[in-house]
Amino acid sequence: MPKTTGERKTEMVATRLTPPLKQAIKKEAQREGRDISEWIRNLLIEELRERNSLPDRLSLENLEENR
């Protein structure tokens, strides 16, 4: 069932990785029971929180849905 609350994820960011880096990311994501995209998204959110750079329009409720 599709999510009905929160902001839709419509934007993409592409990056190239070395195979060992991708494998390390995949391993950590699997360890946490997440897919790679979700794991990277959460990592970015955590970093933005630490830097106090999270956009105001992203509410805590929307972010918690991704945890």
PDB file of N, CA and C in Angstrom:
ATOM      1  N   MET A   1       0.844  -1.178   0.000  1.00  0.00           N
ATOM      2  CA  MET A   1       0.000   0.000   0.000  1.00  0.00           C
ATOM      3  C   MET A   1       0.891   1.245   0.000  1.00  0.00           C
ATOM      4  N   PRO A   2       0.625   2.217  -0.879  1.00  0.00           N
ATOM      5  CA  PRO A   2       1.458   3.418  -0.927  1.00  0.00           C
ATOM      6  C   PRO A   2       1.276   4.282   0.312  1.00  0.00           C
ATOM      7  N   LYS A   3       2.347   4.992   0.668  1.00  0.00           N
ATOM      8  CA  LYS A   3       2.267   5.913   1.792  1.00  0.00           C
ATOM      9  C   LYS A   3       1.401   7.100   1.398  1.00  0.00           C
ATOM     10  N   THR A   4       0.602   7.570   2.345  1.00  0.00           N
ATOM     11  CA  THR A   4      -0.267   8.706   2.054  1.00  0.00           C
ATOM     12  C   THR A   4       0.172   9.960   2.784  1.00  0.00           C
ATOM     13  N   THR A   5       1.085   9.835   3.747  1.00  0.00           N
ATOM     14  CA  THR A   5       1.570  11.005   4.463  1.00  0.00           C
ATOM     15  C   THR A   5       3.011  11.262   4.080  1.00  0.00           C
ATOM     16  N   GLY A   6       3.451  12.468   4.315  1.00  0.00           N
ATOM     17  CA  GLY A   6       4.833  12.801   4.028  1.00  0.00           C
ATOM     18  C   GLY A   6       5.025  13.298   2.612  1.00  0.00           C
ATOM     19  N   GLU A   7       6.205  13.744   2.362  1.00  0.00           N
ATOM     20  CA  GLU A   7       6.541  14.303   1.063  1.00  0.00           C
ATOM     21  C   GLU A   7       6.962  13.199   0.101  1.00  0.00           C
ATOM     22  N   ARG A   8       6.509  13.298  -1.144  1.00  0.00           N
ATOM     23  CA  ARG A   8       6.871  12.295  -2.148  1.00  0.00           C
ATOM     24  C   ARG A   8       8.331  12.472  -2.545  1.00  0.00           C
ATOM     25  N   LYS A   9       8.968  11.369  -2.770  1.00  0.00           N
ATOM     26  CA  LYS A   9      10.368  11.386  -3.202  1.00  0.00           C
ATOM     27  C   LYS A   9      10.386  11.388  -4.728  1.00  0.00           C
ATOM     28  N   THR A  10      10.624  12.555  -5.312  1.00  0.00           N
ATOM     29  CA  THR A  10      10.597  12.680  -6.770  1.00  0.00           C
ATOM     30  C   THR A  10      11.953  13.027  -7.356  1.00  0.00           C
ATOM     31  N   GLU A  11      12.912  13.407  -6.532  1.00  0.00           N
ATOM     32  CA  GLU A  11      14.227  13.821  -7.015  1.00  0.00           C
ATOM     33  C   GLU A  11      15.234  12.686  -6.849  1.00  0.00           C
ATOM     34  N   MET A  12      16.188  12.636  -7.772  1.00  0.00           N
ATOM     35  CA  MET A  12      17.229  11.611  -7.706  1.00  0.00           C
ATOM     36  C   MET A  12      18.603  12.263  -7.684  1.00  0.00           C
ATOM     37  N   VAL A  13      19.530  11.594  -7.022  1.00  0.00           N
ATOM     38  CA  VAL A  13      20.934  11.978  -7.029  1.00  0.00           C
ATOM     39  C   VAL A  13      21.707  10.731  -7.429  1.00  0.00           C
ATOM     40  N   ALA A  14      22.468  10.843  -8.492  1.00  0.00           N
ATOM     41  CA  ALA A  14      23.254   9.693  -8.958  1.00  0.00           C
ATOM     42  C   ALA A  14      24.725   9.939  -8.646  1.00  0.00           C
ATOM     43  N   THR A  15      25.415   8.880  -8.280  1.00  0.00           N
ATOM     44  CA  THR A  15      26.848   8.980  -8.025  1.00  0.00           C
ATOM     45  C   THR A  15      27.514   7.667  -8.408  1.00  0.00           C
ATOM     46  N   ARG A  16      28.747   7.754  -8.772  1.00  0.00           N
ATOM     47  CA  ARG A  16      29.509   6.547  -9.112  1.00  0.00           C
ATOM     48  C   ARG A  16      30.319   6.108  -7.899  1.00  0.00           C
ATOM     49  N   LEU A  17      30.381   4.796  -7.704  1.00  0.00           N
ATOM     50  CA  LEU A  17      31.091   4.213  -6.573  1.00  0.00           C
ATOM     51  C   LEU A  17      32.046   3.141  -7.063  1.00  0.00           C
ATOM     52  N   THR A  18      33.069   2.898  -6.298  1.00  0.00           N
ATOM     53  CA  THR A  18      33.915   1.746  -6.584  1.00  0.00           C
ATOM     54  C   THR A  18      33.166   0.504  -6.113  1.00  0.00           C
ATOM     55  N   PRO A  19      33.443  -0.647  -6.701  1.00  0.00           N
ATOM     56  CA  PRO A  19      32.774  -1.870  -6.235  1.00  0.00           C
ATOM     57  C   PRO A  19      32.957  -2.141  -4.739  1.00  0.00           C
ATOM     58  N   PRO A  20      34.170  -1.946  -4.178  1.00  0.00           N
ATOM     59  CA  PRO A  20      34.296  -2.203  -2.734  1.00  0.00           C
ATOM     60  C   PRO A  20      33.444  -1.259  -1.877  1.00  0.00           C
ATOM     61  N   LEU A  21      33.327   0.010  -2.284  1.00  0.00           N
ATOM     62  CA  LEU A  21      32.502   0.944  -1.528  1.00  0.00           C
ATOM     63  C   LEU A  21      31.035   0.549  -1.612  1.00  0.00           C
ATOM     64  N   LYS A  22      30.572   0.186  -2.799  1.00  0.00           N
ATOM     65  CA  LYS A  22      29.176  -0.240  -2.940  1.00  0.00           C
ATOM     66  C   LYS A  22      28.913  -1.486  -2.102  1.00  0.00           C
ATOM     67  N   GLN A  23      29.844  -2.409  -2.086  1.00  0.00           N
ATOM     68  CA  GLN A  23      29.673  -3.634  -1.307  1.00  0.00           C
ATOM     69  C   GLN A  23      29.601  -3.326   0.185  1.00  0.00           C
ATOM     70  N   ALA A  24      30.432  -2.385   0.653  1.00  0.00           N
ATOM     71  CA  ALA A  24      30.402  -2.003   2.067  1.00  0.00           C
ATOM     72  C   ALA A  24      29.062  -1.363   2.423  1.00  0.00           C
ATOM     73  N   ILE A  25      28.548  -0.507   1.540  1.00  0.00           N
ATOM     74  CA  ILE A  25      27.248   0.130   1.764  1.00  0.00           C
ATOM     75  C   ILE A  25      26.151  -0.927   1.789  1.00  0.00           C
ATOM     76  N   LYS A  26      26.192  -1.843   0.833  1.00  0.00           N
ATOM     77  CA  LYS A  26      25.186  -2.904   0.759  1.00  0.00           C
ATOM     78  C   LYS A  26      25.195  -3.753   2.029  1.00  0.00           C
ATOM     79  N   LYS A  27      26.381  -4.074   2.514  1.00  0.00           N
ATOM     80  CA  LYS A  27      26.517  -4.890   3.723  1.00  0.00           C
ATOM     81  C   LYS A  27      25.898  -4.184   4.932  1.00  0.00           C
ATOM     82  N   GLU A  28      26.190  -2.891   5.092  1.00  0.00           N
ATOM     83  CA  GLU A  28      25.637  -2.137   6.217  1.00  0.00           C
ATOM     84  C   GLU A  28      24.126  -1.989   6.096  1.00  0.00           C
ATOM     85  N   ALA A  29      23.653  -1.735   4.888  1.00  0.00           N
ATOM     86  CA  ALA A  29      22.209  -1.603   4.670  1.00  0.00           C
ATOM     87  C   ALA A  29      21.499  -2.910   5.028  1.00  0.00           C
ATOM     88  N   GLN A  30      22.039  -4.023   4.579  1.00  0.00           N
ATOM     89  CA  GLN A  30      21.438  -5.325   4.885  1.00  0.00           C
ATOM     90  C   GLN A  30      21.465  -5.601   6.382  1.00  0.00           C
ATOM     91  N   ARG A  31      22.557  -5.229   7.025  1.00  0.00           N
ATOM     92  CA  ARG A  31      22.683  -5.437   8.467  1.00  0.00           C
ATOM     93  C   ARG A  31      21.576  -4.696   9.220  1.00  0.00           C
ATOM     94  N   GLU A  32      21.179  -3.528   8.694  1.00  0.00           N
ATOM     95  CA  GLU A  32      20.126  -2.732   9.322  1.00  0.00           C
ATOM     96  C   GLU A  32      18.736  -3.047   8.772  1.00  0.00           C
ATOM     97  N   GLY A  33      18.659  -3.991   7.834  1.00  0.00           N
ATOM     98  CA  GLY A  33      17.364  -4.363   7.273  1.00  0.00           C
ATOM     99  C   GLY A  33      16.782  -3.308   6.349  1.00  0.00           C
ATOM    100  N   ARG A  34      17.641  -2.578   5.658  1.00  0.00           N
ATOM    101  CA  ARG A  34      17.207  -1.512   4.751  1.00  0.00           C
ATOM    102  C   ARG A  34      17.743  -1.785   3.356  1.00  0.00           C
ATOM    103  N   ASP A  35      17.135  -1.128   2.361  1.00  0.00           N
ATOM    104  CA  ASP A  35      17.738  -1.204   1.038  1.00  0.00           C
ATOM    105  C   ASP A  35      18.790  -0.096   0.937  1.00  0.00           C
ATOM    106  N   ILE A  36      19.600  -0.149  -0.094  1.00  0.00           N
ATOM    107  CA  ILE A  36      20.705   0.798  -0.232  1.00  0.00           C
ATOM    108  C   ILE A  36      20.208   2.240  -0.271  1.00  0.00           C
ATOM    109  N   SER A  37      19.164   2.505  -1.038  1.00  0.00           N
ATOM    110  CA  SER A  37      18.646   3.879  -1.142  1.00  0.00           C
ATOM    111  C   SER A  37      18.207   4.415   0.212  1.00  0.00           C
ATOM    112  N   GLU A  38      17.476   3.608   0.956  1.00  0.00           N
ATOM    113  CA  GLU A  38      16.993   4.036   2.268  1.00  0.00           C
ATOM    114  C   GLU A  38      18.161   4.272   3.222  1.00  0.00           C
ATOM    115  N   TRP A  39      19.152   3.404   3.172  1.00  0.00           N
ATOM    116  CA  TRP A  39      20.307   3.536   4.054  1.00  0.00           C
ATOM    117  C   TRP A  39      21.064   4.830   3.766  1.00  0.00           C
ATOM    118  N   ILE A  40      21.307   5.102   2.481  1.00  0.00           N
ATOM    119  CA  ILE A  40      22.015   6.330   2.100  1.00  0.00           C
ATOM    120  C   ILE A  40      21.180   7.557   2.458  1.00  0.00           C
ATOM    121  N   ARG A  41      19.875   7.515   2.201  1.00  0.00           N
ATOM    122  CA  ARG A  41      18.995   8.643   2.532  1.00  0.00           C
ATOM    123  C   ARG A  41      19.065   8.947   4.028  1.00  0.00           C
ATOM    124  N   ASN A  42      19.004   7.919   4.865  1.00  0.00           N
ATOM    125  CA  ASN A  42      19.081   8.124   6.310  1.00  0.00           C
ATOM    126  C   ASN A  42      20.436   8.678   6.724  1.00  0.00           C
ATOM    127  N   LEU A  43      21.497   8.220   6.088  1.00  0.00           N
ATOM    128  CA  LEU A  43      22.833   8.732   6.376  1.00  0.00           C
ATOM    129  C   LEU A  43      22.915  10.225   6.056  1.00  0.00           C
ATOM    130  N   LEU A  44      22.356  10.622   4.922  1.00  0.00           N
ATOM    131  CA  LEU A  44      22.349  12.036   4.534  1.00  0.00           C
ATOM    132  C   LEU A  44      21.526  12.873   5.507  1.00  0.00           C
ATOM    133  N   ILE A  45      20.373  12.356   5.922  1.00  0.00           N
ATOM    134  CA  ILE A  45      19.528  13.079   6.878  1.00  0.00           C
ATOM    135  C   ILE A  45      20.269  13.274   8.196  1.00  0.00           C
ATOM    136  N   GLU A  46      20.928  12.227   8.689  1.00  0.00           N
ATOM    137  CA  GLU A  46      21.686  12.334   9.940  1.00  0.00           C
ATOM    138  C   GLU A  46      22.784  13.384   9.823  1.00  0.00           C
ATOM    139  N   GLU A  47      23.491  13.392   8.712  1.00  0.00           N
ATOM    140  CA  GLU A  47      24.571  14.364   8.512  1.00  0.00           C
ATOM    141  C   GLU A  47      24.013  15.786   8.450  1.00  0.00           C
ATOM    142  N   LEU A  48      22.904  15.968   7.754  1.00  0.00           N
ATOM    143  CA  LEU A  48      22.290  17.297   7.675  1.00  0.00           C
ATOM    144  C   LEU A  48      21.791  17.759   9.043  1.00  0.00           C
ATOM    145  N   ARG A  49      21.281  16.834   9.841  1.00  0.00           N
ATOM    146  CA  ARG A  49      20.857  17.187  11.210  1.00  0.00           C
ATOM    147  C   ARG A  49      22.050  17.674  12.024  1.00  0.00           C
ATOM    148  N   GLU A  50      23.167  16.951  11.945  1.00  0.00           N
ATOM    149  CA  GLU A  50      24.365  17.330  12.696  1.00  0.00           C
ATOM    150  C   GLU A  50      24.856  18.711  12.301  1.00  0.00           C
ATOM    151  N   ARG A  51      24.678  19.068  11.049  1.00  0.00           N
ATOM    152  CA  ARG A  51      25.136  20.369  10.545  1.00  0.00           C
ATOM    153  C   ARG A  51      24.062  21.451  10.679  1.00  0.00           C
ATOM    154  N   ASN A  52      22.921  21.092  11.252  1.00  0.00           N
ATOM    155  CA  ASN A  52      21.783  22.015  11.336  1.00  0.00           C
ATOM    156  C   ASN A  52      21.443  22.586   9.970  1.00  0.00           C
ATOM    157  N   SER A  53      21.475  21.740   8.964  1.00  0.00           N
ATOM    158  CA  SER A  53      21.224  22.160   7.586  1.00  0.00           C
ATOM    159  C   SER A  53      19.984  21.522   6.993  1.00  0.00           C
ATOM    160  N   LEU A  54      19.180  20.886   7.816  1.00  0.00           N
ATOM    161  CA  LEU A  54      17.981  20.228   7.320  1.00  0.00           C
ATOM    162  C   LEU A  54      16.949  21.283   6.931  1.00  0.00           C
ATOM    163  N   PRO A  55      16.399  21.209   5.723  1.00  0.00           N
ATOM    164  CA  PRO A  55      15.390  22.198   5.321  1.00  0.00           C
ATOM    165  C   PRO A  55      14.206  22.203   6.285  1.00  0.00           C
ATOM    166  N   ASP A  56      13.682  23.397   6.568  1.00  0.00           N
ATOM    167  CA  ASP A  56      12.566  23.542   7.510  1.00  0.00           C
ATOM    168  C   ASP A  56      11.339  22.759   7.088  1.00  0.00           C
ATOM    169  N   ARG A  57      11.110  22.630   5.786  1.00  0.00           N
ATOM    170  CA  ARG A  57       9.890  21.967   5.332  1.00  0.00           C
ATOM    171  C   ARG A  57       9.900  20.466   5.582  1.00  0.00           C
ATOM    172  N   LEU A  58      11.041  19.907   5.947  1.00  0.00           N
ATOM    173  CA  LEU A  58      11.097  18.486   6.299  1.00  0.00           C
ATOM    174  C   LEU A  58      10.762  18.356   7.776  1.00  0.00           C
ATOM    175  N   SER A  59       9.573  17.898   8.056  1.00  0.00           N
ATOM    176  CA  SER A  59       9.157  17.770   9.449  1.00  0.00           C
ATOM    177  C   SER A  59       9.740  16.503  10.060  1.00  0.00           C
ATOM    178  N   LEU A  60       9.804  16.493  11.359  1.00  0.00           N
ATOM    179  CA  LEU A  60      10.288  15.316  12.078  1.00  0.00           C
ATOM    180  C   LEU A  60       9.430  14.106  11.742  1.00  0.00           C
ATOM    181  N   GLU A  61       8.121  14.313  11.586  1.00  0.00           N
ATOM    182  CA  GLU A  61       7.223  13.202  11.257  1.00  0.00           C
ATOM    183  C   GLU A  61       7.615  12.568   9.928  1.00  0.00           C
ATOM    184  N   ASN A  62       7.890  13.379   8.920  1.00  0.00           N
ATOM    185  CA  ASN A  62       8.272  12.852   7.612  1.00  0.00           C
ATOM    186  C   ASN A  62       9.587  12.091   7.690  1.00  0.00           C
ATOM    187  N   LEU A  63      10.530  12.600   8.465  1.00  0.00           N
ATOM    188  CA  LEU A  63      11.824  11.939   8.574  1.00  0.00           C
ATOM    189  C   LEU A  63      11.704  10.618   9.316  1.00  0.00           C
ATOM    190  N   GLU A  64      10.888  10.568  10.333  1.00  0.00           N
ATOM    191  CA  GLU A  64      10.747   9.348  11.113  1.00  0.00           C
ATOM    192  C   GLU A  64      10.144   8.219  10.289  1.00  0.00           C
ATOM    193  N   GLU A  65       9.367   8.541   9.253  1.00  0.00           N
ATOM    194  CA  GLU A  65       8.808   7.499   8.391  1.00  0.00           C
ATOM    195  C   GLU A  65       9.911   6.731   7.677  1.00  0.00           C
ATOM    196  N   ASN A  66      11.065   7.360   7.494  1.00  0.00           N
ATOM    197  CA  ASN A  66      12.168   6.737   6.771  1.00  0.00           C
ATOM    198  C   ASN A  66      13.091   5.941   7.672  1.00  0.00           C
ATOM    199  N   ARG A  67      12.850   5.902   8.939  1.00  0.00           N
ATOM    200  CA  ARG A  67      13.741   5.188   9.860  1.00  0.00           C
ATOM    201  C   ARG A  67      13.359   3.755   9.978  1.00  0.00           C
TER     202      ARG A  67
END
